[in-house]
């Protein structure tokens, strides 16, 4: 792997006038980590396995060209669905809360299109990287570090909550969903990409059972079927889902002749979810209290 120097960055929310939503944060010199940490974050952002055979980008880590190349890789070919289903252009003026560890590529695109972006990450490395990504593009954001199952935001305060780059194992997802429900305004929207149970990997095991016979991999309990997702989102209304994200290399050789868009809808890697907090949720919660 190519060696890179580790940059020192200044952590701050931006150059605009301070406000309740964008408080002043004193600059703190903070290293973002070694090359392996940068590549780990880039692989998570582009949904590639880590360690990868080739680096995600050959640019200097945590520079603007590096972030731009990672962004290009995230939305290329198999990731073209992301801007459409995460609705970057539809939330100008809305408060969008991004949950997940990564580089904040999606949150950058919400901010570009006029949304007020909030981001909560569970790791310092991810939080610093997202801040850096916003800083280099001249964008504003409000950044908090905390547990996703105990969000540091008021109830009924967000228009949109987006779950992305959560990784393969999502601890206490039911608690994260409850917190998303709490902070969403009545009528607010939850967008999420969750690992799909019936993906190409699952069907490869069904059609090619000898792969499972000679595999030491434990059973995957971090993926989600539509039924499991609907149970998880039981308090929400209008659960809409699509299956997306598939590379042709993920498909068994015998089926690679089929159209990739068709195969993606059958065995894509992610369930893309859109659902809403009921408008009457505020009144119902008050009555229950």
C-alpha atoms as a PDB file:
ATOM      1  CA  UNK A   1       0.000   0.000   0.000  1.00  0.00           C
ATOM      2  CA  UNK A   2       1.266   3.453  -0.891  1.00  0.00           C
ATOM      3  CA  UNK A   3       2.492   5.450   2.082  1.00  0.00           C
ATOM      4  CA  UNK A   4       0.903   8.795   2.916  1.00  0.00           C
ATOM      5  CA  UNK A   5       1.677  11.368   5.545  1.00  0.00           C
ATOM      6  CA  UNK A   6      -0.928  11.894   8.235  1.00  0.00           C
ATOM      7  CA  UNK A   7      -2.264  15.475   8.111  1.00  0.00           C
ATOM      8  CA  UNK A   8      -2.972  17.619  11.126  1.00  0.00           C
ATOM      9  CA  UNK A   9      -6.298  19.413  10.874  1.00  0.00           C
ATOM     10  CA  UNK A  10      -8.127  22.187  12.684  1.00  0.00           C
ATOM     11  CA  UNK A  11     -11.500  21.071  14.010  1.00  0.00           C
ATOM     12  CA  UNK A  12     -14.211  23.712  13.728  1.00  0.00           C
ATOM     13  CA  UNK A  13     -17.747  23.986  12.423  1.00  0.00           C
ATOM     14  CA  UNK A  14     -17.152  26.699   9.860  1.00  0.00           C
ATOM     15  CA  UNK A  15     -16.507  30.343   9.223  1.00  0.00           C
ATOM     16  CA  UNK A  16     -20.094  31.641   9.448  1.00  0.00           C
ATOM     17  CA  UNK A  17     -21.434  33.720  12.340  1.00  0.00           C
ATOM     18  CA  UNK A  18     -22.103  31.598  15.453  1.00  0.00           C
ATOM     19  CA  UNK A  19     -25.680  30.598  16.202  1.00  0.00           C
ATOM     20  CA  UNK A  20     -27.594  28.025  18.236  1.00  0.00           C
ATOM     21  CA  UNK A  21     -27.375  25.566  15.349  1.00  0.00           C
ATOM     22  CA  UNK A  22     -23.733  26.307  14.481  1.00  0.00           C
ATOM     23  CA  UNK A  23     -21.887  27.108  17.721  1.00  0.00           C
ATOM     24  CA  UNK A  24     -18.262  28.192  17.781  1.00  0.00           C
ATOM     25  CA  UNK A  25     -15.826  25.393  18.527  1.00  0.00           C
ATOM     26  CA  UNK A  26     -12.272  26.233  19.492  1.00  0.00           C
ATOM     27  CA  UNK A  27      -9.705  24.908  16.956  1.00  0.00           C
ATOM     28  CA  UNK A  28      -7.963  21.755  18.163  1.00  0.00           C
ATOM     29  CA  UNK A  29      -4.949  20.211  16.442  1.00  0.00           C
ATOM     30  CA  UNK A  30      -5.929  16.604  15.861  1.00  0.00           C
ATOM     31  CA  UNK A  31      -4.316  13.877  13.736  1.00  0.00           C
ATOM     32  CA  UNK A  32      -6.789  11.962  11.601  1.00  0.00           C
ATOM     33  CA  UNK A  33      -4.888   8.698  11.866  1.00  0.00           C
ATOM     34  CA  UNK A  34      -2.621   6.448   9.862  1.00  0.00           C
ATOM     35  CA  UNK A  35      -2.989   5.403   6.241  1.00  0.00           C
ATOM     36  CA  UNK A  36      -4.816   2.222   7.198  1.00  0.00           C
ATOM     37  CA  UNK A  37      -7.412   4.259   9.062  1.00  0.00           C
ATOM     38  CA  UNK A  38      -7.931   6.508   6.020  1.00  0.00           C
ATOM     39  CA  UNK A  39      -8.324   3.508   3.755  1.00  0.00           C
ATOM     40  CA  UNK A  40     -10.697   1.832   6.215  1.00  0.00           C
ATOM     41  CA  UNK A  41     -12.930   4.917   6.168  1.00  0.00           C
ATOM     42  CA  UNK A  42     -12.750   5.113   2.361  1.00  0.00           C
ATOM     43  CA  UNK A  43     -13.697   1.423   2.036  1.00  0.00           C
ATOM     44  CA  UNK A  44     -16.642   1.922   4.375  1.00  0.00           C
ATOM     45  CA  UNK A  45     -17.742   4.965   2.378  1.00  0.00           C
ATOM     46  CA  UNK A  46     -17.629   3.062  -0.925  1.00  0.00           C
ATOM     47  CA  UNK A  47     -18.940  -0.211   0.580  1.00  0.00           C
ATOM     48  CA  UNK A  48     -15.808  -2.138  -0.358  1.00  0.00           C
ATOM     49  CA  UNK A  49     -14.187  -4.903   1.704  1.00  0.00           C
ATOM     50  CA  UNK A  50     -11.236  -3.897   3.859  1.00  0.00           C
ATOM     51  CA  UNK A  51      -8.380  -4.442   3.340  1.00  0.00           C
ATOM     52  CA  UNK A  52      -8.927  -3.999  -0.394  1.00  0.00           C
ATOM     53  CA  UNK A  53      -6.616  -5.251  -3.122  1.00  0.00           C
ATOM     54  CA  UNK A  54      -6.005  -1.705  -4.361  1.00  0.00           C
ATOM     55  CA  UNK A  55      -6.340   1.572  -2.448  1.00  0.00           C
ATOM     56  CA  UNK A  56      -9.621   3.412  -2.933  1.00  0.00           C
ATOM     57  CA  UNK A  57      -7.731   6.549  -3.942  1.00  0.00           C
ATOM     58  CA  UNK A  58      -4.091   7.312  -4.717  1.00  0.00           C
ATOM     59  CA  UNK A  59      -4.466  10.938  -3.681  1.00  0.00           C
ATOM     60  CA  UNK A  60      -3.070  12.266  -0.413  1.00  0.00           C
ATOM     61  CA  UNK A  61      -5.559  11.198   2.318  1.00  0.00           C
ATOM     62  CA  UNK A  62      -7.919  13.817   3.706  1.00  0.00           C
ATOM     63  CA  UNK A  63      -7.196  16.319   0.928  1.00  0.00           C
ATOM     64  CA  UNK A  64      -9.950  17.669  -1.317  1.00  0.00           C
ATOM     65  CA  UNK A  65      -8.875  15.530  -4.340  1.00  0.00           C
ATOM     66  CA  UNK A  66      -8.958  12.450  -2.093  1.00  0.00           C
ATOM     67  CA  UNK A  67     -12.479  13.219  -0.837  1.00  0.00           C
ATOM     68  CA  UNK A  68     -13.636  13.948  -4.400  1.00  0.00           C
ATOM     69  CA  UNK A  69     -12.249  10.657  -5.703  1.00  0.00           C
ATOM     70  CA  UNK A  70     -13.934   8.715  -2.896  1.00  0.00           C
ATOM     71  CA  UNK A  71     -17.189  10.530  -3.712  1.00  0.00           C
ATOM     72  CA  UNK A  72     -16.857   9.578  -7.379  1.00  0.00           C
ATOM     73  CA  UNK A  73     -16.310   5.948  -6.425  1.00  0.00           C
ATOM     74  CA  UNK A  74     -19.317   5.961  -4.074  1.00  0.00           C
ATOM     75  CA  UNK A  75     -21.760   7.140  -6.740  1.00  0.00           C
ATOM     76  CA  UNK A  76     -20.268   5.307  -9.733  1.00  0.00           C
ATOM     77  CA  UNK A  77     -22.168   2.522 -11.547  1.00  0.00           C
ATOM     78  CA  UNK A  78     -23.525   0.324  -8.736  1.00  0.00           C
ATOM     79  CA  UNK A  79     -23.969   3.402  -6.494  1.00  0.00           C
ATOM     80  CA  UNK A  80     -25.902   5.566  -8.970  1.00  0.00           C
ATOM     81  CA  UNK A  81     -29.077   4.911  -6.987  1.00  0.00           C
ATOM     82  CA  UNK A  82     -27.838   6.789  -3.899  1.00  0.00           C
ATOM     83  CA  UNK A  83     -28.552  10.429  -4.930  1.00  0.00           C
ATOM     84  CA  UNK A  84     -32.041   9.476  -6.104  1.00  0.00           C
ATOM     85  CA  UNK A  85     -33.157   7.384  -3.142  1.00  0.00           C
ATOM     86  CA  UNK A  86     -31.503   9.572  -0.501  1.00  0.00           C
ATOM     87  CA  UNK A  87     -33.165  12.594  -2.143  1.00  0.00           C
ATOM     88  CA  UNK A  88     -30.283  15.053  -1.867  1.00  0.00           C
ATOM     89  CA  UNK A  89     -32.103  17.711  -3.918  1.00  0.00           C
ATOM     90  CA  UNK A  90     -35.455  17.544  -2.140  1.00  0.00           C
ATOM     91  CA  UNK A  91     -34.635  18.905   1.323  1.00  0.00           C
ATOM     92  CA  UNK A  92     -33.560  22.512   0.884  1.00  0.00           C
ATOM     93  CA  UNK A  93     -34.168  24.304   4.173  1.00  0.00           C
ATOM     94  CA  UNK A  94     -34.834  21.071   6.086  1.00  0.00           C
ATOM     95  CA  UNK A  95     -32.905  19.835   9.090  1.00  0.00           C
ATOM     96  CA  UNK A  96     -31.212  16.592   8.036  1.00  0.00           C
ATOM     97  CA  UNK A  97     -29.575  14.343  10.628  1.00  0.00           C
ATOM     98  CA  UNK A  98     -26.978  11.935   9.246  1.00  0.00           C
ATOM     99  CA  UNK A  99     -26.155   8.873  11.337  1.00  0.00           C
ATOM    100  CA  UNK A 100     -23.210   6.635  10.588  1.00  0.00           C
ATOM    101  CA  UNK A 101     -19.429   6.413  10.538  1.00  0.00           C
ATOM    102  CA  UNK A 102     -17.647   7.278   7.326  1.00  0.00           C
ATOM    103  CA  UNK A 103     -16.493  10.357   5.438  1.00  0.00           C
ATOM    104  CA  UNK A 104     -19.816  12.202   5.223  1.00  0.00           C
ATOM    105  CA  UNK A 105     -20.120  12.155   1.427  1.00  0.00           C
ATOM    106  CA  UNK A 106     -23.918  11.968   1.577  1.00  0.00           C
ATOM    107  CA  UNK A 107     -24.149  14.681   4.234  1.00  0.00           C
ATOM    108  CA  UNK A 108     -21.980  16.940   2.034  1.00  0.00           C
ATOM    109  CA  UNK A 109     -24.483  16.534  -0.790  1.00  0.00           C
ATOM    110  CA  UNK A 110     -27.428  17.425   1.439  1.00  0.00           C
ATOM    111  CA  UNK A 111     -25.572  20.594   2.497  1.00  0.00           C
ATOM    112  CA  UNK A 112     -24.731  21.436  -1.117  1.00  0.00           C
ATOM    113  CA  UNK A 113     -28.432  21.469  -1.930  1.00  0.00           C
ATOM    114  CA  UNK A 114     -29.409  23.763   0.916  1.00  0.00           C
ATOM    115  CA  UNK A 115     -30.208  21.447   3.833  1.00  0.00           C
ATOM    116  CA  UNK A 116     -29.100  22.230   7.390  1.00  0.00           C
ATOM    117  CA  UNK A 117     -26.976  19.182   8.172  1.00  0.00           C
ATOM    118  CA  UNK A 118     -26.441  17.600  11.568  1.00  0.00           C
ATOM    119  CA  UNK A 119     -24.126  14.616  11.958  1.00  0.00           C
ATOM    120  CA  UNK A 120     -23.676  12.233  14.859  1.00  0.00           C
ATOM    121  CA  UNK A 121     -20.866   9.670  14.810  1.00  0.00           C
ATOM    122  CA  UNK A 122     -19.782   7.112  17.369  1.00  0.00           C
ATOM    123  CA  UNK A 123     -16.059   7.347  16.565  1.00  0.00           C
ATOM    124  CA  UNK A 124     -13.717  10.320  16.750  1.00  0.00           C
ATOM    125  CA  UNK A 125     -11.895   9.342  13.547  1.00  0.00           C
ATOM    126  CA  UNK A 126     -15.097   9.465  11.529  1.00  0.00           C
ATOM    127  CA  UNK A 127     -16.242  12.714  13.115  1.00  0.00           C
ATOM    128  CA  UNK A 128     -12.925  14.410  12.325  1.00  0.00           C
ATOM    129  CA  UNK A 129     -13.001  13.140   8.737  1.00  0.00           C
ATOM    130  CA  UNK A 130     -16.537  14.433   8.161  1.00  0.00           C
ATOM    131  CA  UNK A 131     -15.606  17.836   9.578  1.00  0.00           C
ATOM    132  CA  UNK A 132     -12.598  17.945   7.276  1.00  0.00           C
ATOM    133  CA  UNK A 133     -14.740  17.009   4.269  1.00  0.00           C
ATOM    134  CA  UNK A 134     -17.136  19.889   5.008  1.00  0.00           C
ATOM    135  CA  UNK A 135     -14.303  22.330   5.708  1.00  0.00           C
ATOM    136  CA  UNK A 136     -12.502  21.705   2.423  1.00  0.00           C
ATOM    137  CA  UNK A 137     -15.724  22.291   0.466  1.00  0.00           C
ATOM    138  CA  UNK A 138     -16.667  25.468   2.346  1.00  0.00           C
ATOM    139  CA  UNK A 139     -19.835  23.928   3.776  1.00  0.00           C
ATOM    140  CA  UNK A 140     -21.427  24.259   7.194  1.00  0.00           C
ATOM    141  CA  UNK A 141     -22.545  21.463   9.503  1.00  0.00           C
ATOM    142  CA  UNK A 142     -23.265  20.718  13.140  1.00  0.00           C
ATOM    143  CA  UNK A 143     -21.204  17.785  14.397  1.00  0.00           C
ATOM    144  CA  UNK A 144     -21.716  15.743  17.547  1.00  0.00           C
ATOM    145  CA  UNK A 145     -20.033  12.633  18.861  1.00  0.00           C
ATOM    146  CA  UNK A 146     -22.222  10.214  20.766  1.00  0.00           C
ATOM    147  CA  UNK A 147     -23.991   6.900  20.890  1.00  0.00           C
ATOM    148  CA  UNK A 148     -26.548   6.480  18.115  1.00  0.00           C
ATOM    149  CA  UNK A 149     -28.869   4.811  20.617  1.00  0.00           C
ATOM    150  CA  UNK A 150     -28.890   8.001  22.741  1.00  0.00           C
ATOM    151  CA  UNK A 151     -28.866  10.907  20.311  1.00  0.00           C
ATOM    152  CA  UNK A 152     -27.979  14.358  21.721  1.00  0.00           C
ATOM    153  CA  UNK A 153     -30.921  16.092  20.016  1.00  0.00           C
ATOM    154  CA  UNK A 154     -34.332  17.270  21.176  1.00  0.00           C
ATOM    155  CA  UNK A 155     -37.518  15.380  20.373  1.00  0.00           C
ATOM    156  CA  UNK A 156     -39.438  16.477  17.254  1.00  0.00           C
ATOM    157  CA  UNK A 157     -36.458  18.517  16.012  1.00  0.00           C
ATOM    158  CA  UNK A 158     -35.459  16.934  12.662  1.00  0.00           C
ATOM    159  CA  UNK A 159     -37.167  16.844   9.265  1.00  0.00           C
ATOM    160  CA  UNK A 160     -35.092  13.920   7.939  1.00  0.00           C
ATOM    161  CA  UNK A 161     -32.965  11.213   9.533  1.00  0.00           C
ATOM    162  CA  UNK A 162     -30.679   9.267   7.198  1.00  0.00           C
ATOM    163  CA  UNK A 163     -28.902   6.047   8.212  1.00  0.00           C
ATOM    164  CA  UNK A 164     -25.916   5.300   6.003  1.00  0.00           C
ATOM    165  CA  UNK A 165     -22.431   3.745   6.152  1.00  0.00           C
ATOM    166  CA  UNK A 166     -23.335   1.936   9.344  1.00  0.00           C
ATOM    167  CA  UNK A 167     -21.181  -1.052   8.492  1.00  0.00           C
ATOM    168  CA  UNK A 168     -22.053  -4.733   8.455  1.00  0.00           C
ATOM    169  CA  UNK A 169     -22.800  -5.044  12.176  1.00  0.00           C
ATOM    170  CA  UNK A 170     -25.223  -2.481  13.565  1.00  0.00           C
ATOM    171  CA  UNK A 171     -25.418  -2.782  17.361  1.00  0.00           C
ATOM    172  CA  UNK A 172     -28.789  -2.091  18.970  1.00  0.00           C
ATOM    173  CA  UNK A 173     -30.401  -1.030  15.702  1.00  0.00           C
ATOM    174  CA  UNK A 174     -33.845  -1.170  17.314  1.00  0.00           C
ATOM    175  CA  UNK A 175     -32.669   1.463  19.822  1.00  0.00           C
ATOM    176  CA  UNK A 176     -31.232   3.600  17.011  1.00  0.00           C
ATOM    177  CA  UNK A 177     -34.575   3.435  15.187  1.00  0.00           C
ATOM    178  CA  UNK A 178     -36.412   4.439  18.381  1.00  0.00           C
ATOM    179  CA  UNK A 179     -34.103   7.407  18.743  1.00  0.00           C
ATOM    180  CA  UNK A 180     -34.665   8.363  15.107  1.00  0.00           C
ATOM    181  CA  UNK A 181     -38.416   8.198  15.745  1.00  0.00           C
ATOM    182  CA  UNK A 182     -38.037  10.424  18.812  1.00  0.00           C
ATOM    183  CA  UNK A 183     -36.007  13.192  17.132  1.00  0.00           C
ATOM    184  CA  UNK A 184     -38.092  13.279  13.931  1.00  0.00           C
ATOM    185  CA  UNK A 185     -40.859  15.831  13.643  1.00  0.00           C
ATOM    186  CA  UNK A 186     -44.356  14.390  13.072  1.00  0.00           C
ATOM    187  CA  UNK A 187     -44.481  13.721   9.343  1.00  0.00           C
ATOM    188  CA  UNK A 188     -40.669  13.569   9.235  1.00  0.00           C
ATOM    189  CA  UNK A 189     -38.867  11.089   7.037  1.00  0.00           C
ATOM    190  CA  UNK A 190     -36.466   8.225   7.785  1.00  0.00           C
ATOM    191  CA  UNK A 191     -34.146   7.104   4.968  1.00  0.00           C
ATOM    192  CA  UNK A 192     -31.875   4.084   5.431  1.00  0.00           C
ATOM    193  CA  UNK A 193     -29.701   1.589   3.619  1.00  0.00           C
ATOM    194  CA  UNK A 194     -29.533  -1.731   5.497  1.00  0.00           C
ATOM    195  CA  UNK A 195     -27.693  -4.924   4.512  1.00  0.00           C
ATOM    196  CA  UNK A 196     -30.176  -7.183   2.692  1.00  0.00           C
ATOM    197  CA  UNK A 197     -30.587 -10.777   3.827  1.00  0.00           C
ATOM    198  CA  UNK A 198     -31.545 -12.135   0.401  1.00  0.00           C
ATOM    199  CA  UNK A 199     -28.519 -10.724  -1.400  1.00  0.00           C
ATOM    200  CA  UNK A 200     -26.303 -12.297  -4.054  1.00  0.00           C
ATOM    201  CA  UNK A 201     -24.250 -13.898  -1.283  1.00  0.00           C
ATOM    202  CA  UNK A 202     -27.341 -15.591   0.163  1.00  0.00           C
ATOM    203  CA  UNK A 203     -28.507 -16.942  -3.199  1.00  0.00           C
ATOM    204  CA  UNK A 204     -25.007 -18.156  -4.023  1.00  0.00           C
ATOM    205  CA  UNK A 205     -25.217 -20.277  -0.884  1.00  0.00           C
ATOM    206  CA  UNK A 206     -28.607 -21.635  -1.976  1.00  0.00           C
ATOM    207  CA  UNK A 207     -27.666 -22.404  -5.572  1.00  0.00           C
ATOM    208  CA  UNK A 208     -24.096 -23.458  -4.775  1.00  0.00           C
ATOM    209  CA  UNK A 209     -24.492 -25.193  -1.395  1.00  0.00           C
ATOM    210  CA  UNK A 210     -20.992 -26.644  -1.395  1.00  0.00           C
ATOM    211  CA  UNK A 211     -19.700 -23.116  -0.747  1.00  0.00           C
ATOM    212  CA  UNK A 212     -21.368 -23.166   2.663  1.00  0.00           C
ATOM    213  CA  UNK A 213     -20.161 -26.698   3.367  1.00  0.00           C
ATOM    214  CA  UNK A 214     -16.527 -25.642   3.064  1.00  0.00           C
ATOM    215  CA  UNK A 215     -16.909 -22.205   4.641  1.00  0.00           C
ATOM    216  CA  UNK A 216     -16.016 -21.379   8.251  1.00  0.00           C
ATOM    217  CA  UNK A 217     -17.930 -18.087   8.174  1.00  0.00           C
ATOM    218  CA  UNK A 218     -20.545 -17.777  10.944  1.00  0.00           C
ATOM    219  CA  UNK A 219     -24.179 -17.232  10.118  1.00  0.00           C
ATOM    220  CA  UNK A 220     -24.858 -13.606   9.266  1.00  0.00           C
ATOM    221  CA  UNK A 221     -27.378 -12.130  11.702  1.00  0.00           C
ATOM    222  CA  UNK A 222     -26.714  -8.490  10.783  1.00  0.00           C
ATOM    223  CA  UNK A 223     -28.694  -8.540   7.517  1.00  0.00           C
ATOM    224  CA  UNK A 224     -32.365  -7.688   7.130  1.00  0.00           C
ATOM    225  CA  UNK A 225     -35.323  -9.134   5.269  1.00  0.00           C
ATOM    226  CA  UNK A 226     -38.290  -6.944   4.354  1.00  0.00           C
ATOM    227  CA  UNK A 227     -40.363  -8.657   7.053  1.00  0.00           C
ATOM    228  CA  UNK A 228     -37.727  -7.954   9.691  1.00  0.00           C
ATOM    229  CA  UNK A 229     -37.463  -4.313   8.588  1.00  0.00           C
ATOM    230  CA  UNK A 230     -41.241  -3.831   8.806  1.00  0.00           C
ATOM    231  CA  UNK A 231     -41.229  -5.240  12.344  1.00  0.00           C
ATOM    232  CA  UNK A 232     -38.349  -2.922  13.230  1.00  0.00           C
ATOM    233  CA  UNK A 233     -40.216   0.089  11.837  1.00  0.00           C
ATOM    234  CA  UNK A 234     -43.550  -0.825  13.375  1.00  0.00           C
ATOM    235  CA  UNK A 235     -44.148   2.681  14.767  1.00  0.00           C
ATOM    236  CA  UNK A 236     -43.553   4.310  11.393  1.00  0.00           C
ATOM    237  CA  UNK A 237     -46.030   4.654   8.519  1.00  0.00           C
ATOM    238  CA  UNK A 238     -45.784   3.880   4.793  1.00  0.00           C
ATOM    239  CA  UNK A 239     -42.677   1.699   4.754  1.00  0.00           C
ATOM    240  CA  UNK A 240     -41.347   1.756   1.174  1.00  0.00           C
ATOM    241  CA  UNK A 241     -38.395  -0.373   0.164  1.00  0.00           C
ATOM    242  CA  UNK A 242     -36.169  -1.138  -2.822  1.00  0.00           C
ATOM    243  CA  UNK A 243     -33.256  -3.519  -3.242  1.00  0.00           C
ATOM    244  CA  UNK A 244     -30.162  -1.912  -4.756  1.00  0.00           C
ATOM    245  CA  UNK A 245     -26.355  -2.057  -5.046  1.00  0.00           C
ATOM    246  CA  UNK A 246     -24.883  -4.963  -6.959  1.00  0.00           C
ATOM    247  CA  UNK A 247     -21.611  -5.467  -8.768  1.00  0.00           C
ATOM    248  CA  UNK A 248     -21.528  -7.995 -11.581  1.00  0.00           C
ATOM    249  CA  UNK A 249     -18.621  -9.669  -9.786  1.00  0.00           C
ATOM    250  CA  UNK A 250     -21.024 -10.398  -6.873  1.00  0.00           C
ATOM    251  CA  UNK A 251     -23.241 -12.521  -9.135  1.00  0.00           C
ATOM    252  CA  UNK A 252     -22.383 -16.246  -9.597  1.00  0.00           C
ATOM    253  CA  UNK A 253     -20.830 -16.926 -13.003  1.00  0.00           C
ATOM    254  CA  UNK A 254     -23.824 -18.920 -14.224  1.00  0.00           C
ATOM    255  CA  UNK A 255     -26.105 -15.866 -13.925  1.00  0.00           C
ATOM    256  CA  UNK A 256     -23.792 -13.056 -15.073  1.00  0.00           C
ATOM    257  CA  UNK A 257     -25.373 -13.066 -18.539  1.00  0.00           C
ATOM    258  CA  UNK A 258     -28.572 -11.588 -17.076  1.00  0.00           C
ATOM    259  CA  UNK A 259     -29.265  -7.844 -17.093  1.00  0.00           C
ATOM    260  CA  UNK A 260     -27.637  -6.299 -14.041  1.00  0.00           C
ATOM    261  CA  UNK A 261     -30.593  -3.944 -13.214  1.00  0.00           C
ATOM    262  CA  UNK A 262     -32.870  -7.001 -13.059  1.00  0.00           C
ATOM    263  CA  UNK A 263     -30.440  -8.933 -10.889  1.00  0.00           C
ATOM    264  CA  UNK A 264     -29.972  -5.906  -8.622  1.00  0.00           C
ATOM    265  CA  UNK A 265     -33.677  -5.851  -7.798  1.00  0.00           C
ATOM    266  CA  UNK A 266     -33.574  -9.544  -6.941  1.00  0.00           C
ATOM    267  CA  UNK A 267     -30.281  -9.839  -5.068  1.00  0.00           C
ATOM    268  CA  UNK A 268     -28.956  -6.341  -4.337  1.00  0.00           C
ATOM    269  CA  UNK A 269     -26.781  -5.910  -1.273  1.00  0.00           C
ATOM    270  CA  UNK A 270     -28.931  -3.261   0.428  1.00  0.00           C
ATOM    271  CA  UNK A 271     -32.544  -2.672   1.307  1.00  0.00           C
ATOM    272  CA  UNK A 272     -33.157   1.023   0.725  1.00  0.00           C
ATOM    273  CA  UNK A 273     -35.902   2.162   3.067  1.00  0.00           C
ATOM    274  CA  UNK A 274     -38.098   5.266   3.112  1.00  0.00           C
ATOM    275  CA  UNK A 275     -40.695   5.679   5.835  1.00  0.00           C
ATOM    276  CA  UNK A 276     -42.420   8.436   7.800  1.00  0.00           C
ATOM    277  CA  UNK A 277     -43.216   9.303  11.381  1.00  0.00           C
ATOM    278  CA  UNK A 278     -47.021   9.555  11.632  1.00  0.00           C
ATOM    279  CA  UNK A 279     -48.325  13.112  11.776  1.00  0.00           C
ATOM    280  CA  UNK A 280     -50.419  12.196  14.826  1.00  0.00           C
ATOM    281  CA  UNK A 281     -47.394  10.856  16.686  1.00  0.00           C
ATOM    282  CA  UNK A 282     -46.945  14.032  18.772  1.00  0.00           C
ATOM    283  CA  UNK A 283     -50.484  13.905  20.140  1.00  0.00           C
ATOM    284  CA  UNK A 284     -50.318  10.174  20.759  1.00  0.00           C
ATOM    285  CA  UNK A 285     -47.084  10.514  22.725  1.00  0.00           C
ATOM    286  CA  UNK A 286     -48.525  13.289  24.885  1.00  0.00           C
ATOM    287  CA  UNK A 287     -51.628  11.233  25.696  1.00  0.00           C
ATOM    288  CA  UNK A 288     -49.448   8.237  26.615  1.00  0.00           C
ATOM    289  CA  UNK A 289     -47.405  10.441  28.947  1.00  0.00           C
END
